[in-house]
Amino acid sequence: MKRASQIALSEEERSVLRRWSRGRSTPARLVLRARIVLAAAEGRMNRDIAEELGTSKKTVSLWRRRFAAGCLAGIEKMRRGQGARRAFRPGPCSAFSTRPHARSLPRPRTA
């Protein structure tokens, strides 16, 4: 049977996690991660944490492991390739030219 990582927090880490877990302007994903780590530091099981926070055991296990590996930075930053998507910004293209003559349609010829 797998054992969950033991979490030991310094006073500074505990203070930061509490602030994140209560912050109104803190992103929701970071609030959840902070609450997971705080509950794990109390020695609670993944199943109980997941049930209380309304998430899956897999999610609790993931953030517990990431905190054990990277402390606060492990749960704060996103992995490369994840997170907010960039807005589409078209580059220069002849089909979408912004020059005035490219936007006007040719006039139909009359006989």
N, C-alpha and C. Protein backbone atom coordinates (compact mmCIF):
# COMPACT_ATOMS: atom_id res chain seq x y z
N MET A 1 0.84 -1.18 0.00
CA MET A 1 0.00 0.00 0.00
C MET A 1 0.89 1.25 0.00
N LYS A 2 0.53 2.22 -0.82
CA LYS A 2 1.30 3.45 -0.91
C LYS A 2 1.06 4.31 0.32
N ARG A 3 2.11 5.01 0.74
CA ARG A 3 1.99 5.92 1.87
C ARG A 3 2.08 7.35 1.35
N ALA A 4 1.25 8.20 1.88
CA ALA A 4 1.27 9.62 1.47
C ALA A 4 2.49 10.30 2.07
N SER A 5 2.98 11.29 1.36
CA SER A 5 4.13 12.07 1.83
C SER A 5 3.77 12.79 3.12
N GLN A 6 4.69 12.74 4.08
CA GLN A 6 4.50 13.49 5.32
C GLN A 6 4.82 14.96 5.04
N ILE A 7 3.99 15.84 5.53
CA ILE A 7 4.17 17.27 5.31
C ILE A 7 4.51 17.93 6.64
N ALA A 8 5.66 18.58 6.68
CA ALA A 8 6.06 19.36 7.86
C ALA A 8 6.23 20.80 7.40
N LEU A 9 5.51 21.71 8.03
CA LEU A 9 5.53 23.12 7.64
C LEU A 9 6.32 23.96 8.63
N SER A 10 7.08 24.91 8.09
CA SER A 10 7.69 25.92 8.95
C SER A 10 6.61 26.94 9.28
N GLU A 11 6.86 27.79 10.24
CA GLU A 11 5.87 28.82 10.58
C GLU A 11 5.63 29.77 9.42
N GLU A 12 6.69 30.07 8.67
CA GLU A 12 6.55 30.97 7.52
C GLU A 12 5.68 30.32 6.44
N GLU A 13 5.92 29.04 6.14
CA GLU A 13 5.10 28.34 5.15
C GLU A 13 3.64 28.25 5.59
N ARG A 14 3.44 27.94 6.85
CA ARG A 14 2.08 27.85 7.38
C ARG A 14 1.36 29.20 7.25
N SER A 15 2.08 30.27 7.54
CA SER A 15 1.50 31.61 7.45
C SER A 15 1.10 31.94 6.00
N VAL A 16 1.99 31.64 5.05
CA VAL A 16 1.70 31.92 3.65
C VAL A 16 0.52 31.08 3.17
N LEU A 17 0.50 29.80 3.54
CA LEU A 17 -0.60 28.93 3.12
C LEU A 17 -1.93 29.38 3.70
N ARG A 18 -1.92 29.82 4.94
CA ARG A 18 -3.16 30.34 5.55
C ARG A 18 -3.65 31.58 4.82
N ARG A 19 -2.71 32.46 4.48
CA ARG A 19 -3.07 33.68 3.76
C ARG A 19 -3.66 33.33 2.39
N TRP A 20 -3.04 32.38 1.68
CA TRP A 20 -3.54 31.96 0.38
C TRP A 20 -4.92 31.31 0.51
N SER A 21 -5.10 30.51 1.54
CA SER A 21 -6.37 29.78 1.68
C SER A 21 -7.54 30.69 2.03
N ARG A 22 -7.25 31.87 2.54
CA ARG A 22 -8.30 32.82 2.94
C ARG A 22 -8.44 34.00 2.00
N GLY A 23 -7.49 34.16 1.09
CA GLY A 23 -7.45 35.34 0.23
C GLY A 23 -8.62 35.42 -0.74
N ARG A 24 -9.24 36.57 -0.79
CA ARG A 24 -10.36 36.77 -1.72
C ARG A 24 -9.88 37.02 -3.14
N SER A 25 -8.69 37.57 -3.28
CA SER A 25 -8.18 37.83 -4.63
C SER A 25 -7.21 36.74 -5.08
N THR A 26 -7.03 35.72 -4.26
CA THR A 26 -6.16 34.60 -4.61
C THR A 26 -6.90 33.70 -5.60
N PRO A 27 -6.23 33.26 -6.67
CA PRO A 27 -6.90 32.36 -7.63
C PRO A 27 -7.44 31.10 -6.93
N ALA A 28 -8.60 30.64 -7.36
CA ALA A 28 -9.27 29.50 -6.73
C ALA A 28 -8.39 28.26 -6.71
N ARG A 29 -7.62 28.04 -7.77
CA ARG A 29 -6.76 26.84 -7.81
C ARG A 29 -5.70 26.89 -6.71
N LEU A 30 -5.19 28.09 -6.41
CA LEU A 30 -4.19 28.22 -5.37
C LEU A 30 -4.81 28.09 -3.98
N VAL A 31 -6.03 28.56 -3.81
CA VAL A 31 -6.76 28.40 -2.55
C VAL A 31 -6.94 26.92 -2.25
N LEU A 32 -7.36 26.14 -3.25
CA LEU A 32 -7.56 24.71 -3.06
C LEU A 32 -6.24 24.02 -2.70
N ARG A 33 -5.19 24.35 -3.42
CA ARG A 33 -3.87 23.74 -3.15
C ARG A 33 -3.41 24.04 -1.74
N ALA A 34 -3.58 25.29 -1.31
CA ALA A 34 -3.17 25.68 0.04
C ALA A 34 -3.97 24.91 1.09
N ARG A 35 -5.26 24.77 0.88
CA ARG A 35 -6.10 24.04 1.84
C ARG A 35 -5.70 22.56 1.89
N ILE A 36 -5.37 21.99 0.76
CA ILE A 36 -4.92 20.60 0.71
C ILE A 36 -3.66 20.42 1.54
N VAL A 37 -2.69 21.30 1.34
CA VAL A 37 -1.41 21.17 2.05
C VAL A 37 -1.59 21.40 3.55
N LEU A 38 -2.41 22.39 3.92
CA LEU A 38 -2.65 22.63 5.35
C LEU A 38 -3.30 21.41 6.01
N ALA A 39 -4.27 20.81 5.34
CA ALA A 39 -4.92 19.62 5.90
C ALA A 39 -3.95 18.44 5.98
N ALA A 40 -3.10 18.31 4.96
CA ALA A 40 -2.11 17.23 4.95
C ALA A 40 -1.10 17.41 6.07
N ALA A 41 -0.75 18.66 6.37
CA ALA A 41 0.20 18.93 7.44
C ALA A 41 -0.37 18.57 8.81
N GLU A 42 -1.70 18.53 8.92
CA GLU A 42 -2.35 18.12 10.17
C GLU A 42 -2.35 16.60 10.32
N GLY A 43 -1.85 15.90 9.29
CA GLY A 43 -1.77 14.45 9.35
C GLY A 43 -3.01 13.74 8.85
N ARG A 44 -3.87 14.43 8.14
CA ARG A 44 -5.11 13.83 7.66
C ARG A 44 -4.86 13.00 6.41
N MET A 45 -5.73 12.04 6.18
CA MET A 45 -5.61 11.15 5.03
C MET A 45 -6.16 11.82 3.77
N ASN A 46 -5.61 11.42 2.62
CA ASN A 46 -6.04 11.98 1.34
C ASN A 46 -7.54 11.84 1.13
N ARG A 47 -8.08 10.70 1.49
CA ARG A 47 -9.51 10.44 1.30
C ARG A 47 -10.36 11.45 2.08
N ASP A 48 -9.96 11.73 3.33
CA ASP A 48 -10.71 12.67 4.16
C ASP A 48 -10.59 14.11 3.64
N ILE A 49 -9.38 14.46 3.19
CA ILE A 49 -9.16 15.81 2.64
C ILE A 49 -10.00 16.00 1.39
N ALA A 50 -9.99 15.01 0.51
CA ALA A 50 -10.74 15.09 -0.74
C ALA A 50 -12.24 15.23 -0.47
N GLU A 51 -12.72 14.47 0.47
CA GLU A 51 -14.15 14.52 0.81
C GLU A 51 -14.54 15.89 1.35
N GLU A 52 -13.72 16.42 2.23
CA GLU A 52 -14.02 17.73 2.85
C GLU A 52 -13.98 18.86 1.83
N LEU A 53 -13.00 18.83 0.92
CA LEU A 53 -12.80 19.92 -0.02
C LEU A 53 -13.56 19.73 -1.34
N GLY A 54 -14.23 18.60 -1.48
CA GLY A 54 -15.02 18.37 -2.69
C GLY A 54 -14.18 18.15 -3.93
N THR A 55 -13.08 17.46 -3.78
CA THR A 55 -12.21 17.16 -4.92
C THR A 55 -11.88 15.67 -4.90
N SER A 56 -11.03 15.22 -5.78
CA SER A 56 -10.70 13.80 -5.86
C SER A 56 -9.45 13.47 -5.03
N LYS A 57 -9.32 12.20 -4.69
CA LYS A 57 -8.12 11.74 -3.98
C LYS A 57 -6.89 11.96 -4.85
N LYS A 58 -7.05 11.80 -6.15
CA LYS A 58 -5.94 11.98 -7.08
C LYS A 58 -5.41 13.41 -7.02
N THR A 59 -6.32 14.38 -6.95
CA THR A 59 -5.92 15.79 -6.86
C THR A 59 -5.18 16.06 -5.55
N VAL A 60 -5.71 15.54 -4.46
CA VAL A 60 -5.06 15.73 -3.16
C VAL A 60 -3.67 15.12 -3.18
N SER A 61 -3.55 13.92 -3.71
CA SER A 61 -2.26 13.24 -3.78
C SER A 61 -1.27 14.02 -4.62
N LEU A 62 -1.73 14.55 -5.75
CA LEU A 62 -0.87 15.33 -6.65
C LEU A 62 -0.26 16.53 -5.93
N TRP A 63 -1.10 17.33 -5.26
CA TRP A 63 -0.60 18.55 -4.64
C TRP A 63 0.18 18.28 -3.37
N ARG A 64 -0.12 17.20 -2.70
CA ARG A 64 0.68 16.79 -1.55
C ARG A 64 2.09 16.42 -2.02
N ARG A 65 2.19 15.66 -3.10
CA ARG A 65 3.49 15.27 -3.65
C ARG A 65 4.27 16.48 -4.15
N ARG A 66 3.58 17.37 -4.86
CA ARG A 66 4.28 18.55 -5.40
C ARG A 66 4.80 19.46 -4.29
N PHE A 67 4.02 19.58 -3.20
CA PHE A 67 4.51 20.39 -2.10
C PHE A 67 5.71 19.72 -1.45
N ALA A 68 5.66 18.41 -1.27
CA ALA A 68 6.78 17.68 -0.66
C ALA A 68 8.05 17.83 -1.50
N ALA A 69 7.89 17.90 -2.83
CA ALA A 69 9.04 18.02 -3.72
C ALA A 69 9.55 19.44 -3.87
N GLY A 70 8.64 20.43 -3.86
CA GLY A 70 9.07 21.79 -4.18
C GLY A 70 8.62 22.87 -3.23
N CYS A 71 8.11 22.51 -2.07
CA CYS A 71 7.60 23.47 -1.08
C CYS A 71 6.57 24.42 -1.70
N LEU A 72 6.57 25.67 -1.31
CA LEU A 72 5.57 26.62 -1.80
C LEU A 72 5.65 26.81 -3.31
N ALA A 73 6.85 26.83 -3.85
CA ALA A 73 7.00 26.99 -5.30
C ALA A 73 6.40 25.82 -6.05
N GLY A 74 6.37 24.65 -5.44
CA GLY A 74 5.81 23.47 -6.09
C GLY A 74 4.32 23.54 -6.33
N ILE A 75 3.61 24.30 -5.50
CA ILE A 75 2.17 24.43 -5.70
C ILE A 75 1.79 25.77 -6.30
N GLU A 76 2.70 26.71 -6.26
CA GLU A 76 2.38 28.06 -6.75
C GLU A 76 2.47 28.17 -8.26
N LYS A 77 3.52 27.65 -8.84
CA LYS A 77 3.70 27.83 -10.28
C LYS A 77 3.08 26.67 -11.05
N MET A 78 2.74 26.94 -12.31
CA MET A 78 2.18 25.92 -13.18
C MET A 78 3.30 25.27 -13.97
N ARG A 79 3.10 24.02 -14.33
CA ARG A 79 4.07 23.34 -15.16
C ARG A 79 4.02 23.91 -16.57
N ARG A 80 5.12 23.79 -17.26
CA ARG A 80 5.20 24.27 -18.63
C ARG A 80 4.14 23.59 -19.49
N GLY A 81 3.46 24.37 -20.29
CA GLY A 81 2.45 23.82 -21.19
C GLY A 81 1.06 23.78 -20.59
N GLN A 82 0.92 24.23 -19.35
CA GLN A 82 -0.39 24.24 -18.71
C GLN A 82 -0.74 25.67 -18.35
N GLY A 83 -1.99 25.89 -18.03
CA GLY A 83 -2.41 27.21 -17.58
C GLY A 83 -3.17 27.96 -18.64
N ALA A 84 -3.20 29.26 -18.48
CA ALA A 84 -3.99 30.12 -19.36
C ALA A 84 -3.48 30.04 -20.79
N ARG A 85 -4.40 29.98 -21.70
CA ARG A 85 -4.05 29.94 -23.12
C ARG A 85 -3.86 31.37 -23.63
N ARG A 86 -2.94 31.52 -24.53
CA ARG A 86 -2.71 32.83 -25.11
C ARG A 86 -3.79 33.15 -26.13
N ALA A 87 -4.11 34.41 -26.22
CA ALA A 87 -5.09 34.85 -27.21
C ALA A 87 -4.46 34.73 -28.60
N PHE A 88 -5.27 34.43 -29.58
CA PHE A 88 -4.78 34.33 -30.95
C PHE A 88 -4.44 35.72 -31.46
N ARG A 89 -3.24 35.87 -31.92
CA ARG A 89 -2.80 37.14 -32.49
C ARG A 89 -2.25 36.86 -33.88
N PRO A 90 -3.02 37.16 -34.91
CA PRO A 90 -2.53 36.86 -36.26
C PRO A 90 -1.34 37.74 -36.61
N GLY A 91 -0.38 37.14 -37.25
CA GLY A 91 0.78 37.88 -37.71
C GLY A 91 0.50 38.47 -39.08
N PRO A 92 1.50 39.06 -39.68
CA PRO A 92 1.29 39.63 -41.01
C PRO A 92 0.99 38.52 -42.02
N CYS A 93 -0.07 38.70 -42.74
CA CYS A 93 -0.50 37.72 -43.73
C CYS A 93 -1.15 38.47 -44.88
N SER A 94 -0.83 38.08 -46.09
CA SER A 94 -1.37 38.81 -47.23
C SER A 94 -2.89 38.70 -47.32
N ALA A 95 -3.45 37.59 -46.87
CA ALA A 95 -4.90 37.41 -46.94
C ALA A 95 -5.64 38.31 -45.96
N PHE A 96 -4.97 38.71 -44.89
CA PHE A 96 -5.60 39.53 -43.87
C PHE A 96 -4.91 40.89 -43.74
N SER A 97 -4.47 41.40 -44.85
CA SER A 97 -3.74 42.65 -44.84
C SER A 97 -4.64 43.80 -44.36
N THR A 98 -4.05 44.73 -43.67
CA THR A 98 -4.82 45.88 -43.17
C THR A 98 -4.63 47.11 -44.06
N ARG A 99 -3.95 46.96 -45.19
CA ARG A 99 -3.77 48.09 -46.09
C ARG A 99 -5.11 48.47 -46.70
N PRO A 100 -5.39 49.76 -46.90
CA PRO A 100 -6.69 50.19 -47.41
C PRO A 100 -7.08 49.57 -48.74
N HIS A 101 -6.12 49.46 -49.67
CA HIS A 101 -6.48 48.93 -50.99
C HIS A 101 -6.76 47.43 -50.95
N ALA A 102 -6.26 46.73 -49.98
CA ALA A 102 -6.51 45.30 -49.88
C ALA A 102 -7.90 45.02 -49.31
N ARG A 103 -8.45 45.97 -48.58
CA ARG A 103 -9.77 45.75 -48.00
C ARG A 103 -10.91 46.03 -48.97
N SER A 104 -10.67 46.88 -49.97
CA SER A 104 -11.76 47.23 -50.88
C SER A 104 -11.92 46.16 -51.95
N LEU A 105 -13.14 45.89 -52.30
CA LEU A 105 -13.45 44.89 -53.32
C LEU A 105 -13.41 45.55 -54.70
N PRO A 106 -13.04 44.80 -55.72
CA PRO A 106 -13.03 45.39 -57.06
C PRO A 106 -14.46 45.63 -57.53
N ARG A 107 -14.63 46.71 -58.30
CA ARG A 107 -15.95 47.05 -58.83
C ARG A 107 -16.30 46.12 -59.99
N PRO A 108 -17.58 45.74 -60.06
CA PRO A 108 -17.97 44.90 -61.20
C PRO A 108 -17.93 45.72 -62.50
N ARG A 109 -17.54 45.08 -63.57
CA ARG A 109 -17.45 45.75 -64.86
C ARG A 109 -18.83 45.77 -65.53
N THR A 110 -19.12 46.87 -66.14
CA THR A 110 -20.38 46.98 -66.87
C THR A 110 -20.08 47.01 -68.37
N ALA A 111 -20.95 46.45 -69.13
CA ALA A 111 -20.71 46.36 -70.58
C ALA A 111 -21.12 47.58 -71.33
